[in-house]
Amino acid sequence: MKPSDLNLGVPRETEAALRDFVALLLRWNARINLTAERDEAAIWQRHVVDSLQLAPLVPAMEGPLVDLGSGAGFPGLMLALTTGRETHLVESDRRKSAFLIEAARVLNLPRMKVHPTRIEAATLPPAAILTARALAPLADLLPHAHRILAPGGTALFPKGRTAEQELTDAARGWIMHIERFASRTEPSATILRLSEIRPAGFHA
């Protein structure tokens, strides 16, 4: 499968950078477990394309993007490539963070910083955008979002078939504005775009 077969919807130079990234990922994946998939076509479809669909949902608000539990760079590194924003990737696994640092060097992403530490220990700027993919239930992500997001900031959380149950569970302790977007890569998945996140009973 060629990237051009996937209708990535990105400029030619971005597509070239994505090809370089996938080649790097495949080389590292042979030595450390970055993704469960070893097949190039599966990596493009299940990770690259799945992450790129968040780009049109990124609001216009200026400011940094923070990605929690970045793993092999999905979706944070993909959004760094497509948006050009200052981007902070938080990944506590030292081998994965080493890969992300190398990827930033190879792809010439000087505005991307890797934080090889736990989320609670990371020194992060107030974020305009917060992302996390396959990291934790929504109720566990919202305290991080409330702490890290700048006023007016937005969280983008791809979720699987448990999205509505996670929203129900989170509603016990949190109030937020919720937007739902159907995933283009997984029929049972939903992308949640959340803003105005605050604990229930909290008054600004």
N, C-alpha and C. Protein backbone atom coordinates (compact mmCIF):
# COMPACT_ATOMS: atom_id res chain seq x y z
N MET A 1 0.84 -1.19 0.00
CA MET A 1 0.00 0.00 0.00
C MET A 1 0.88 1.24 0.00
N LYS A 2 0.57 2.18 -0.92
CA LYS A 2 1.29 3.44 -0.99
C LYS A 2 0.52 4.49 -0.20
N PRO A 3 1.24 5.45 0.41
CA PRO A 3 0.55 6.53 1.10
C PRO A 3 -0.46 7.24 0.20
N SER A 4 -0.13 7.36 -1.11
CA SER A 4 -1.02 8.04 -2.03
C SER A 4 -2.35 7.31 -2.17
N ASP A 5 -2.38 6.01 -1.86
CA ASP A 5 -3.61 5.24 -1.95
C ASP A 5 -4.57 5.56 -0.80
N LEU A 6 -4.07 6.21 0.23
CA LEU A 6 -4.86 6.43 1.44
C LEU A 6 -5.58 7.78 1.46
N ASN A 7 -5.33 8.63 0.46
CA ASN A 7 -5.97 9.94 0.41
C ASN A 7 -5.74 10.69 1.73
N LEU A 8 -4.47 10.93 2.04
CA LEU A 8 -4.10 11.52 3.32
C LEU A 8 -4.56 12.96 3.47
N GLY A 9 -4.73 13.65 2.36
CA GLY A 9 -5.19 15.02 2.42
C GLY A 9 -4.18 15.99 3.01
N VAL A 10 -2.89 15.72 2.78
CA VAL A 10 -1.83 16.60 3.30
C VAL A 10 -0.96 17.05 2.14
N PRO A 11 -0.23 18.16 2.29
CA PRO A 11 0.68 18.60 1.23
C PRO A 11 1.75 17.54 0.94
N ARG A 12 2.34 17.66 -0.24
CA ARG A 12 3.32 16.67 -0.69
C ARG A 12 4.50 16.56 0.27
N GLU A 13 4.97 17.72 0.80
CA GLU A 13 6.12 17.67 1.69
C GLU A 13 5.77 17.00 3.02
N THR A 14 4.51 17.17 3.45
CA THR A 14 4.08 16.49 4.67
C THR A 14 3.98 14.99 4.44
N GLU A 15 3.48 14.60 3.29
CA GLU A 15 3.41 13.18 2.95
C GLU A 15 4.80 12.56 2.92
N ALA A 16 5.77 13.29 2.38
CA ALA A 16 7.15 12.79 2.36
C ALA A 16 7.68 12.62 3.77
N ALA A 17 7.37 13.57 4.66
CA ALA A 17 7.81 13.45 6.05
C ALA A 17 7.14 12.26 6.73
N LEU A 18 5.89 12.02 6.42
CA LEU A 18 5.19 10.87 6.98
C LEU A 18 5.82 9.56 6.51
N ARG A 19 6.23 9.52 5.25
CA ARG A 19 6.91 8.32 4.74
C ARG A 19 8.22 8.09 5.49
N ASP A 20 8.97 9.17 5.72
CA ASP A 20 10.22 9.05 6.47
C ASP A 20 9.95 8.57 7.90
N PHE A 21 8.88 9.08 8.49
CA PHE A 21 8.54 8.68 9.85
C PHE A 21 8.20 7.19 9.92
N VAL A 22 7.37 6.71 9.00
CA VAL A 22 6.98 5.30 9.02
C VAL A 22 8.19 4.41 8.78
N ALA A 23 9.10 4.81 7.91
CA ALA A 23 10.32 4.04 7.69
C ALA A 23 11.14 3.96 8.97
N LEU A 24 11.26 5.08 9.67
CA LEU A 24 11.98 5.10 10.94
C LEU A 24 11.29 4.21 11.97
N LEU A 25 9.98 4.31 12.04
CA LEU A 25 9.21 3.50 12.99
C LEU A 25 9.41 2.01 12.73
N LEU A 26 9.40 1.61 11.48
CA LEU A 26 9.59 0.19 11.15
C LEU A 26 10.98 -0.29 11.57
N ARG A 27 11.99 0.55 11.39
CA ARG A 27 13.35 0.15 11.80
C ARG A 27 13.43 -0.01 13.31
N TRP A 28 12.88 0.94 14.04
CA TRP A 28 12.91 0.85 15.50
C TRP A 28 12.01 -0.27 16.02
N ASN A 29 10.92 -0.50 15.34
CA ASN A 29 9.97 -1.53 15.77
C ASN A 29 10.59 -2.92 15.71
N ALA A 30 11.59 -3.08 14.89
CA ALA A 30 12.28 -4.37 14.81
C ALA A 30 13.10 -4.64 16.07
N ARG A 31 13.40 -3.58 16.84
CA ARG A 31 14.23 -3.73 18.03
C ARG A 31 13.45 -3.54 19.34
N ILE A 32 12.52 -2.60 19.34
CA ILE A 32 11.71 -2.38 20.54
C ILE A 32 10.24 -2.36 20.16
N ASN A 33 9.38 -2.60 21.12
CA ASN A 33 7.96 -2.73 20.84
C ASN A 33 7.28 -1.36 20.87
N LEU A 34 7.32 -0.66 19.73
CA LEU A 34 6.66 0.63 19.63
C LEU A 34 5.18 0.48 19.34
N THR A 35 4.84 -0.40 18.43
CA THR A 35 3.45 -0.72 18.10
C THR A 35 3.30 -2.22 17.96
N ALA A 36 2.10 -2.70 18.19
CA ALA A 36 1.85 -4.13 18.03
C ALA A 36 1.94 -4.54 16.57
N GLU A 37 1.61 -3.60 15.68
CA GLU A 37 1.64 -3.90 14.25
C GLU A 37 3.07 -3.85 13.72
N ARG A 38 3.43 -4.82 12.94
CA ARG A 38 4.72 -4.82 12.25
C ARG A 38 4.54 -4.60 10.75
N ASP A 39 3.31 -4.69 10.28
CA ASP A 39 3.02 -4.56 8.86
C ASP A 39 2.88 -3.08 8.50
N GLU A 40 3.55 -2.66 7.45
CA GLU A 40 3.55 -1.24 7.09
C GLU A 40 2.15 -0.73 6.77
N ALA A 41 1.38 -1.52 6.03
CA ALA A 41 0.02 -1.08 5.67
C ALA A 41 -0.83 -0.88 6.91
N ALA A 42 -0.69 -1.77 7.89
CA ALA A 42 -1.47 -1.64 9.12
C ALA A 42 -1.07 -0.39 9.90
N ILE A 43 0.22 -0.07 9.90
CA ILE A 43 0.69 1.14 10.60
C ILE A 43 0.11 2.38 9.95
N TRP A 44 0.11 2.42 8.62
CA TRP A 44 -0.48 3.57 7.94
C TRP A 44 -1.95 3.72 8.29
N GLN A 45 -2.71 2.65 8.20
CA GLN A 45 -4.16 2.75 8.38
C GLN A 45 -4.55 2.91 9.84
N ARG A 46 -4.00 2.09 10.72
CA ARG A 46 -4.46 2.05 12.11
C ARG A 46 -3.85 3.14 12.98
N HIS A 47 -2.73 3.70 12.53
CA HIS A 47 -2.08 4.70 13.37
C HIS A 47 -1.95 6.05 12.67
N VAL A 48 -1.36 6.08 11.49
CA VAL A 48 -1.12 7.36 10.82
C VAL A 48 -2.44 8.00 10.41
N VAL A 49 -3.24 7.30 9.61
CA VAL A 49 -4.50 7.87 9.14
C VAL A 49 -5.45 8.13 10.30
N ASP A 50 -5.47 7.22 11.27
CA ASP A 50 -6.33 7.40 12.43
C ASP A 50 -5.97 8.68 13.19
N SER A 51 -4.68 8.99 13.28
CA SER A 51 -4.24 10.20 13.97
C SER A 51 -4.48 11.45 13.15
N LEU A 52 -4.26 11.37 11.84
CA LEU A 52 -4.40 12.54 10.99
C LEU A 52 -5.83 13.07 10.97
N GLN A 53 -6.82 12.21 11.23
CA GLN A 53 -8.20 12.69 11.19
C GLN A 53 -8.51 13.68 12.31
N LEU A 54 -7.61 13.78 13.30
CA LEU A 54 -7.81 14.78 14.35
C LEU A 54 -7.45 16.19 13.88
N ALA A 55 -6.58 16.30 12.88
CA ALA A 55 -6.07 17.62 12.47
C ALA A 55 -7.18 18.62 12.12
N PRO A 56 -8.20 18.23 11.34
CA PRO A 56 -9.25 19.21 11.03
C PRO A 56 -10.09 19.61 12.24
N LEU A 57 -10.00 18.86 13.32
CA LEU A 57 -10.79 19.15 14.52
C LEU A 57 -10.04 20.06 15.50
N VAL A 58 -8.77 20.38 15.20
CA VAL A 58 -7.99 21.24 16.07
C VAL A 58 -8.51 22.67 15.94
N PRO A 59 -8.99 23.28 17.03
CA PRO A 59 -9.49 24.66 16.95
C PRO A 59 -8.38 25.64 16.58
N ALA A 60 -8.81 26.83 16.17
CA ALA A 60 -7.86 27.84 15.70
C ALA A 60 -7.13 28.54 16.83
N MET A 61 -7.52 28.32 18.08
CA MET A 61 -6.89 28.99 19.21
C MET A 61 -5.37 28.79 19.17
N GLU A 62 -4.64 29.88 19.32
CA GLU A 62 -3.18 29.80 19.31
C GLU A 62 -2.68 29.22 20.63
N GLY A 63 -1.53 28.58 20.56
CA GLY A 63 -0.93 28.03 21.76
C GLY A 63 -0.44 26.62 21.54
N PRO A 64 0.30 26.07 22.52
CA PRO A 64 0.91 24.76 22.37
C PRO A 64 -0.10 23.62 22.34
N LEU A 65 0.33 22.52 21.75
CA LEU A 65 -0.39 21.27 21.80
C LEU A 65 0.37 20.32 22.71
N VAL A 66 -0.33 19.67 23.63
CA VAL A 66 0.28 18.70 24.53
C VAL A 66 -0.37 17.35 24.29
N ASP A 67 0.46 16.33 24.10
CA ASP A 67 -0.03 14.96 23.88
C ASP A 67 0.45 14.09 25.02
N LEU A 68 -0.48 13.43 25.69
CA LEU A 68 -0.17 12.62 26.86
C LEU A 68 -0.06 11.14 26.47
N GLY A 69 0.97 10.47 26.99
CA GLY A 69 1.16 9.06 26.68
C GLY A 69 1.39 8.85 25.20
N SER A 70 2.38 9.57 24.65
CA SER A 70 2.53 9.66 23.20
C SER A 70 2.92 8.35 22.53
N GLY A 71 3.54 7.43 23.25
CA GLY A 71 3.90 6.15 22.65
C GLY A 71 4.82 6.33 21.47
N ALA A 72 4.37 5.87 20.30
CA ALA A 72 5.18 5.99 19.08
C ALA A 72 4.90 7.28 18.33
N GLY A 73 4.16 8.21 18.96
CA GLY A 73 3.93 9.51 18.33
C GLY A 73 2.52 9.73 17.83
N PHE A 74 1.59 8.88 18.25
CA PHE A 74 0.21 8.99 17.78
C PHE A 74 -0.70 9.45 18.91
N PRO A 75 -1.41 10.56 18.74
CA PRO A 75 -1.44 11.40 17.54
C PRO A 75 -0.51 12.61 17.59
N GLY A 76 0.22 12.82 18.69
CA GLY A 76 0.93 14.07 18.89
C GLY A 76 1.92 14.42 17.80
N LEU A 77 2.77 13.47 17.42
CA LEU A 77 3.77 13.78 16.40
C LEU A 77 3.10 14.02 15.05
N MET A 78 2.04 13.29 14.74
CA MET A 78 1.31 13.51 13.49
C MET A 78 0.75 14.93 13.44
N LEU A 79 0.23 15.41 14.58
CA LEU A 79 -0.33 16.76 14.61
C LEU A 79 0.76 17.82 14.60
N ALA A 80 1.93 17.51 15.16
CA ALA A 80 3.06 18.43 15.06
C ALA A 80 3.44 18.63 13.60
N LEU A 81 3.43 17.56 12.84
CA LEU A 81 3.76 17.63 11.42
C LEU A 81 2.73 18.42 10.63
N THR A 82 1.45 18.20 10.91
CA THR A 82 0.40 18.78 10.09
C THR A 82 0.00 20.19 10.51
N THR A 83 0.18 20.54 11.78
CA THR A 83 -0.25 21.87 12.24
C THR A 83 0.90 22.85 12.39
N GLY A 84 2.14 22.34 12.55
CA GLY A 84 3.28 23.22 12.77
C GLY A 84 3.29 23.87 14.14
N ARG A 85 2.42 23.43 15.05
CA ARG A 85 2.35 24.03 16.38
C ARG A 85 3.54 23.63 17.25
N GLU A 86 3.82 24.47 18.24
CA GLU A 86 4.66 24.04 19.34
C GLU A 86 3.97 22.83 19.97
N THR A 87 4.69 21.72 20.10
CA THR A 87 4.09 20.47 20.55
C THR A 87 4.94 19.84 21.64
N HIS A 88 4.27 19.35 22.68
CA HIS A 88 4.94 18.68 23.79
C HIS A 88 4.40 17.26 23.89
N LEU A 89 5.30 16.29 23.79
CA LEU A 89 4.93 14.87 23.89
C LEU A 89 5.40 14.34 25.23
N VAL A 90 4.48 13.78 25.99
CA VAL A 90 4.81 13.23 27.31
C VAL A 90 4.77 11.71 27.21
N GLU A 91 5.92 11.08 27.46
CA GLU A 91 6.02 9.61 27.35
C GLU A 91 7.02 9.11 28.39
N SER A 92 6.52 8.34 29.36
CA SER A 92 7.38 7.91 30.46
C SER A 92 8.29 6.73 30.11
N ASP A 93 7.94 5.96 29.08
CA ASP A 93 8.78 4.84 28.66
C ASP A 93 10.03 5.40 27.97
N ARG A 94 11.20 5.14 28.55
CA ARG A 94 12.43 5.75 28.05
C ARG A 94 12.77 5.32 26.63
N ARG A 95 12.47 4.09 26.27
CA ARG A 95 12.78 3.64 24.91
C ARG A 95 11.89 4.35 23.90
N LYS A 96 10.61 4.49 24.24
CA LYS A 96 9.70 5.19 23.33
C LYS A 96 10.04 6.67 23.25
N SER A 97 10.39 7.27 24.37
CA SER A 97 10.75 8.69 24.33
C SER A 97 12.04 8.89 23.53
N ALA A 98 12.97 7.93 23.59
CA ALA A 98 14.18 8.02 22.78
C ALA A 98 13.84 7.99 21.29
N PHE A 99 12.87 7.14 20.93
CA PHE A 99 12.41 7.11 19.54
C PHE A 99 11.82 8.45 19.13
N LEU A 100 11.00 9.04 19.99
CA LEU A 100 10.36 10.31 19.66
C LEU A 100 11.40 11.41 19.49
N ILE A 101 12.43 11.41 20.32
CA ILE A 101 13.50 12.41 20.20
C ILE A 101 14.22 12.23 18.86
N GLU A 102 14.49 10.98 18.48
CA GLU A 102 15.14 10.72 17.20
C GLU A 102 14.24 11.13 16.04
N ALA A 103 12.94 10.86 16.16
CA ALA A 103 12.00 11.25 15.11
C ALA A 103 11.96 12.76 14.94
N ALA A 104 12.00 13.50 16.04
CA ALA A 104 12.01 14.96 15.96
C ALA A 104 13.26 15.45 15.22
N ARG A 105 14.39 14.75 15.45
CA ARG A 105 15.63 15.13 14.77
C ARG A 105 15.55 14.82 13.29
N VAL A 106 15.13 13.60 12.96
CA VAL A 106 15.08 13.17 11.56
C VAL A 106 14.10 14.02 10.75
N LEU A 107 12.98 14.36 11.35
CA LEU A 107 11.93 15.09 10.64
C LEU A 107 12.09 16.61 10.75
N ASN A 108 13.14 17.04 11.47
CA ASN A 108 13.40 18.48 11.64
C ASN A 108 12.18 19.19 12.23
N LEU A 109 11.84 18.78 13.45
CA LEU A 109 10.71 19.37 14.16
C LEU A 109 11.24 20.11 15.40
N PRO A 110 11.84 21.28 15.21
CA PRO A 110 12.44 21.99 16.35
C PRO A 110 11.41 22.48 17.37
N ARG A 111 10.14 22.55 16.98
CA ARG A 111 9.11 23.04 17.91
C ARG A 111 8.45 21.90 18.69
N MET A 112 8.99 20.70 18.53
CA MET A 112 8.45 19.56 19.26
C MET A 112 9.41 19.17 20.37
N LYS A 113 8.90 19.10 21.59
CA LYS A 113 9.71 18.73 22.74
C LYS A 113 9.17 17.45 23.35
N VAL A 114 10.06 16.55 23.69
CA VAL A 114 9.69 15.27 24.31
C VAL A 114 9.97 15.35 25.81
N HIS A 115 9.00 14.95 26.61
CA HIS A 115 9.14 14.92 28.06
C HIS A 115 9.18 13.46 28.51
N PRO A 116 10.37 12.91 28.78
CA PRO A 116 10.48 11.48 29.14
C PRO A 116 10.20 11.28 30.63
N THR A 117 8.97 11.49 31.02
CA THR A 117 8.61 11.42 32.43
C THR A 117 7.12 11.12 32.57
N ARG A 118 6.68 10.89 33.79
CA ARG A 118 5.26 10.70 34.04
C ARG A 118 4.52 12.02 33.86
N ILE A 119 3.25 11.91 33.54
CA ILE A 119 2.45 13.11 33.27
C ILE A 119 2.49 14.06 34.46
N GLU A 120 2.37 13.50 35.66
CA GLU A 120 2.30 14.34 36.86
C GLU A 120 3.59 15.13 37.10
N ALA A 121 4.71 14.60 36.58
CA ALA A 121 6.01 15.23 36.81
C ALA A 121 6.45 16.15 35.68
N ALA A 122 5.71 16.15 34.58
CA ALA A 122 6.13 16.93 33.42
C ALA A 122 5.87 18.42 33.65
N THR A 123 6.84 19.24 33.27
CA THR A 123 6.69 20.70 33.32
C THR A 123 6.19 21.15 31.96
N LEU A 124 4.92 21.52 31.90
CA LEU A 124 4.27 21.79 30.62
C LEU A 124 3.71 23.21 30.60
N PRO A 125 3.67 23.82 29.42
CA PRO A 125 3.04 25.14 29.31
C PRO A 125 1.52 24.97 29.29
N PRO A 126 0.78 26.03 29.59
CA PRO A 126 -0.68 25.96 29.41
C PRO A 126 -1.00 25.63 27.95
N ALA A 127 -1.79 24.60 27.76
CA ALA A 127 -2.01 24.06 26.41
C ALA A 127 -3.30 24.59 25.79
N ALA A 128 -3.21 24.95 24.52
CA ALA A 128 -4.43 25.27 23.77
C ALA A 128 -5.17 24.00 23.39
N ILE A 129 -4.38 22.95 23.11
CA ILE A 129 -4.94 21.66 22.70
C ILE A 129 -4.29 20.56 23.53
N LEU A 130 -5.11 19.64 24.01
CA LEU A 130 -4.61 18.46 24.72
C LEU A 130 -5.13 17.23 24.01
N THR A 131 -4.24 16.26 23.74
CA THR A 131 -4.66 15.01 23.13
C THR A 131 -4.15 13.83 23.93
N ALA A 132 -4.84 12.72 23.80
CA ALA A 132 -4.41 11.44 24.38
C ALA A 132 -5.16 10.36 23.64
N ARG A 133 -4.44 9.33 23.24
CA ARG A 133 -5.03 8.25 22.44
C ARG A 133 -4.73 6.93 23.12
N ALA A 134 -5.79 6.18 23.43
CA ALA A 134 -5.65 4.84 24.03
C ALA A 134 -4.79 4.88 25.28
N LEU A 135 -5.00 5.89 26.11
CA LEU A 135 -4.18 6.06 27.31
C LEU A 135 -4.92 5.64 28.57
N ALA A 136 -6.13 6.16 28.78
CA ALA A 136 -6.84 5.93 30.04
C ALA A 136 -8.31 6.26 29.84
N PRO A 137 -9.17 5.81 30.76
CA PRO A 137 -10.58 6.20 30.71
C PRO A 137 -10.73 7.71 30.85
N LEU A 138 -11.82 8.22 30.33
CA LEU A 138 -12.04 9.66 30.32
C LEU A 138 -12.00 10.26 31.73
N ALA A 139 -12.57 9.57 32.71
CA ALA A 139 -12.58 10.10 34.08
C ALA A 139 -11.17 10.29 34.62
N ASP A 140 -10.21 9.51 34.13
CA ASP A 140 -8.81 9.67 34.56
C ASP A 140 -8.09 10.76 33.76
N LEU A 141 -8.57 11.04 32.55
CA LEU A 141 -7.93 12.05 31.72
C LEU A 141 -8.37 13.47 32.09
N LEU A 142 -9.58 13.62 32.56
CA LEU A 142 -10.12 14.96 32.80
C LEU A 142 -9.36 15.75 33.86
N PRO A 143 -8.88 15.14 34.96
CA PRO A 143 -8.07 15.93 35.89
C PRO A 143 -6.81 16.51 35.23
N HIS A 144 -6.18 15.74 34.34
CA HIS A 144 -5.03 16.25 33.61
C HIS A 144 -5.44 17.40 32.69
N ALA A 145 -6.58 17.22 32.00
CA ALA A 145 -7.05 18.26 31.09
C ALA A 145 -7.34 19.55 31.85
N HIS A 146 -7.98 19.45 32.99
CA HIS A 146 -8.32 20.63 33.78
C HIS A 146 -7.06 21.35 34.25
N ARG A 147 -6.03 20.59 34.57
CA ARG A 147 -4.79 21.17 35.07
C ARG A 147 -3.94 21.76 33.96
N ILE A 148 -3.90 21.09 32.80
CA ILE A 148 -2.94 21.45 31.75
C ILE A 148 -3.51 22.46 30.76
N LEU A 149 -4.80 22.40 30.47
CA LEU A 149 -5.36 23.27 29.44
C LEU A 149 -5.37 24.73 29.88
N ALA A 150 -5.04 25.61 28.95
CA ALA A 150 -5.19 27.04 29.17
C ALA A 150 -6.67 27.39 29.16
N PRO A 151 -7.05 28.53 29.74
CA PRO A 151 -8.46 28.96 29.63
C PRO A 151 -8.89 29.02 28.17
N GLY A 152 -10.02 28.40 27.88
CA GLY A 152 -10.50 28.33 26.50
C GLY A 152 -9.92 27.18 25.71
N GLY A 153 -9.06 26.36 26.34
CA GLY A 153 -8.43 25.25 25.64
C GLY A 153 -9.38 24.09 25.38
N THR A 154 -8.94 23.19 24.52
CA THR A 154 -9.77 22.09 24.05
C THR A 154 -9.03 20.76 24.14
N ALA A 155 -9.74 19.72 24.54
CA ALA A 155 -9.19 18.36 24.55
C ALA A 155 -9.77 17.56 23.40
N LEU A 156 -8.92 16.81 22.72
CA LEU A 156 -9.34 15.88 21.67
C LEU A 156 -8.97 14.47 22.10
N PHE A 157 -9.98 13.65 22.38
CA PHE A 157 -9.74 12.30 22.86
C PHE A 157 -10.44 11.27 21.96
N PRO A 158 -9.68 10.54 21.13
CA PRO A 158 -10.29 9.44 20.38
C PRO A 158 -10.70 8.33 21.35
N LYS A 159 -11.90 7.82 21.18
CA LYS A 159 -12.40 6.77 22.05
C LYS A 159 -13.05 5.67 21.22
N GLY A 160 -13.03 4.45 21.77
CA GLY A 160 -13.64 3.31 21.10
C GLY A 160 -15.11 3.18 21.45
N ARG A 161 -15.58 1.95 21.45
CA ARG A 161 -17.01 1.70 21.65
C ARG A 161 -17.49 2.05 23.06
N THR A 162 -16.55 2.31 23.98
CA THR A 162 -16.94 2.65 25.35
C THR A 162 -17.13 4.15 25.56
N ALA A 163 -17.11 4.93 24.50
CA ALA A 163 -17.13 6.39 24.63
C ALA A 163 -18.31 6.89 25.46
N GLU A 164 -19.51 6.41 25.16
CA GLU A 164 -20.69 6.92 25.87
C GLU A 164 -20.68 6.51 27.34
N GLN A 165 -20.23 5.29 27.61
CA GLN A 165 -20.16 4.87 29.01
C GLN A 165 -19.11 5.70 29.76
N GLU A 166 -18.00 6.00 29.10
CA GLU A 166 -16.98 6.82 29.74
C GLU A 166 -17.50 8.23 30.02
N LEU A 167 -18.29 8.77 29.11
CA LEU A 167 -18.90 10.08 29.34
C LEU A 167 -19.86 10.03 30.53
N THR A 168 -20.63 8.96 30.61
CA THR A 168 -21.56 8.80 31.74
C THR A 168 -20.81 8.73 33.05
N ASP A 169 -19.73 7.95 33.08
CA ASP A 169 -18.93 7.81 34.30
C ASP A 169 -18.29 9.15 34.68
N ALA A 170 -17.78 9.86 33.68
CA ALA A 170 -17.10 11.12 33.96
C ALA A 170 -18.07 12.20 34.44
N ALA A 171 -19.32 12.12 34.00
CA ALA A 171 -20.31 13.14 34.37
C ALA A 171 -20.58 13.18 35.87
N ARG A 172 -20.20 12.12 36.58
CA ARG A 172 -20.40 12.13 38.04
C ARG A 172 -19.53 13.18 38.72
N GLY A 173 -18.41 13.52 38.11
CA GLY A 173 -17.52 14.46 38.77
C GLY A 173 -17.11 15.66 37.93
N TRP A 174 -17.54 15.69 36.65
CA TRP A 174 -17.04 16.73 35.75
C TRP A 174 -18.15 17.32 34.91
N ILE A 175 -17.98 18.60 34.60
CA ILE A 175 -18.87 19.31 33.69
C ILE A 175 -18.02 19.76 32.50
N MET A 176 -18.58 19.64 31.29
CA MET A 176 -17.81 20.02 30.10
C MET A 176 -18.75 20.19 28.93
N HIS A 177 -18.28 20.92 27.93
CA HIS A 177 -18.99 21.00 26.66
C HIS A 177 -18.49 19.86 25.78
N ILE A 178 -19.41 19.07 25.24
CA ILE A 178 -19.05 17.83 24.53
C ILE A 178 -19.45 17.94 23.06
N GLU A 179 -18.52 17.63 22.17
CA GLU A 179 -18.81 17.45 20.75
C GLU A 179 -18.33 16.06 20.35
N ARG A 180 -19.11 15.39 19.53
CA ARG A 180 -18.77 14.04 19.08
C ARG A 180 -18.57 14.03 17.57
N PHE A 181 -17.54 13.31 17.14
CA PHE A 181 -17.26 13.18 15.71
C PHE A 181 -17.02 11.70 15.41
N ALA A 182 -17.69 11.18 14.40
CA ALA A 182 -17.52 9.78 14.03
C ALA A 182 -16.12 9.56 13.47
N SER A 183 -15.47 8.49 13.91
CA SER A 183 -14.17 8.14 13.37
C SER A 183 -14.30 7.68 11.92
N ARG A 184 -13.36 8.10 11.09
CA ARG A 184 -13.36 7.67 9.68
C ARG A 184 -12.61 6.36 9.49
N THR A 185 -11.93 5.88 10.53
CA THR A 185 -11.12 4.67 10.39
C THR A 185 -11.68 3.48 11.15
N GLU A 186 -12.59 3.73 12.10
CA GLU A 186 -13.15 2.66 12.92
C GLU A 186 -14.62 2.96 13.18
N PRO A 187 -15.53 2.18 12.59
CA PRO A 187 -16.96 2.50 12.69
C PRO A 187 -17.49 2.62 14.12
N SER A 188 -16.91 1.86 15.05
CA SER A 188 -17.41 1.89 16.42
C SER A 188 -16.75 2.97 17.28
N ALA A 189 -15.83 3.74 16.71
CA ALA A 189 -15.07 4.72 17.47
C ALA A 189 -15.65 6.13 17.32
N THR A 190 -15.34 6.97 18.31
CA THR A 190 -15.80 8.35 18.34
C THR A 190 -14.64 9.24 18.78
N ILE A 191 -14.54 10.41 18.19
CA ILE A 191 -13.59 11.41 18.66
C ILE A 191 -14.36 12.42 19.49
N LEU A 192 -13.94 12.59 20.73
CA LEU A 192 -14.57 13.55 21.62
C LEU A 192 -13.77 14.85 21.60
N ARG A 193 -14.46 15.95 21.35
CA ARG A 193 -13.84 17.27 21.46
C ARG A 193 -14.49 17.96 22.66
N LEU A 194 -13.69 18.20 23.69
CA LEU A 194 -14.20 18.67 24.98
C LEU A 194 -13.62 20.04 25.30
N SER A 195 -14.46 20.90 25.82
CA SER A 195 -14.01 22.22 26.24
C SER A 195 -14.78 22.62 27.49
N GLU A 196 -14.37 23.73 28.09
CA GLU A 196 -15.01 24.23 29.33
C GLU A 196 -15.02 23.14 30.41
N ILE A 197 -13.92 22.43 30.54
CA ILE A 197 -13.82 21.30 31.46
C ILE A 197 -13.60 21.83 32.89
N ARG A 198 -14.44 21.41 33.78
CA ARG A 198 -14.29 21.83 35.19
C ARG A 198 -14.95 20.80 36.10
N PRO A 199 -14.45 20.67 37.32
CA PRO A 199 -15.08 19.74 38.26
C PRO A 199 -16.51 20.16 38.57
N ALA A 200 -17.37 19.21 38.78
CA ALA A 200 -18.74 19.52 39.18
C ALA A 200 -18.71 20.31 40.49
N GLY A 201 -19.45 21.39 40.54
CA GLY A 201 -19.45 22.24 41.74
C GLY A 201 -18.40 23.33 41.71
N PHE A 202 -17.53 23.32 40.66
CA PHE A 202 -16.48 24.33 40.57
C PHE A 202 -17.04 25.59 39.94
N HIS A 203 -16.73 26.73 40.51
CA HIS A 203 -17.15 28.03 39.95
C HIS A 203 -15.91 28.87 39.71
N ALA A 204 -15.78 29.31 38.47
CA ALA A 204 -14.61 30.15 38.11
C ALA A 204 -14.66 31.50 38.80
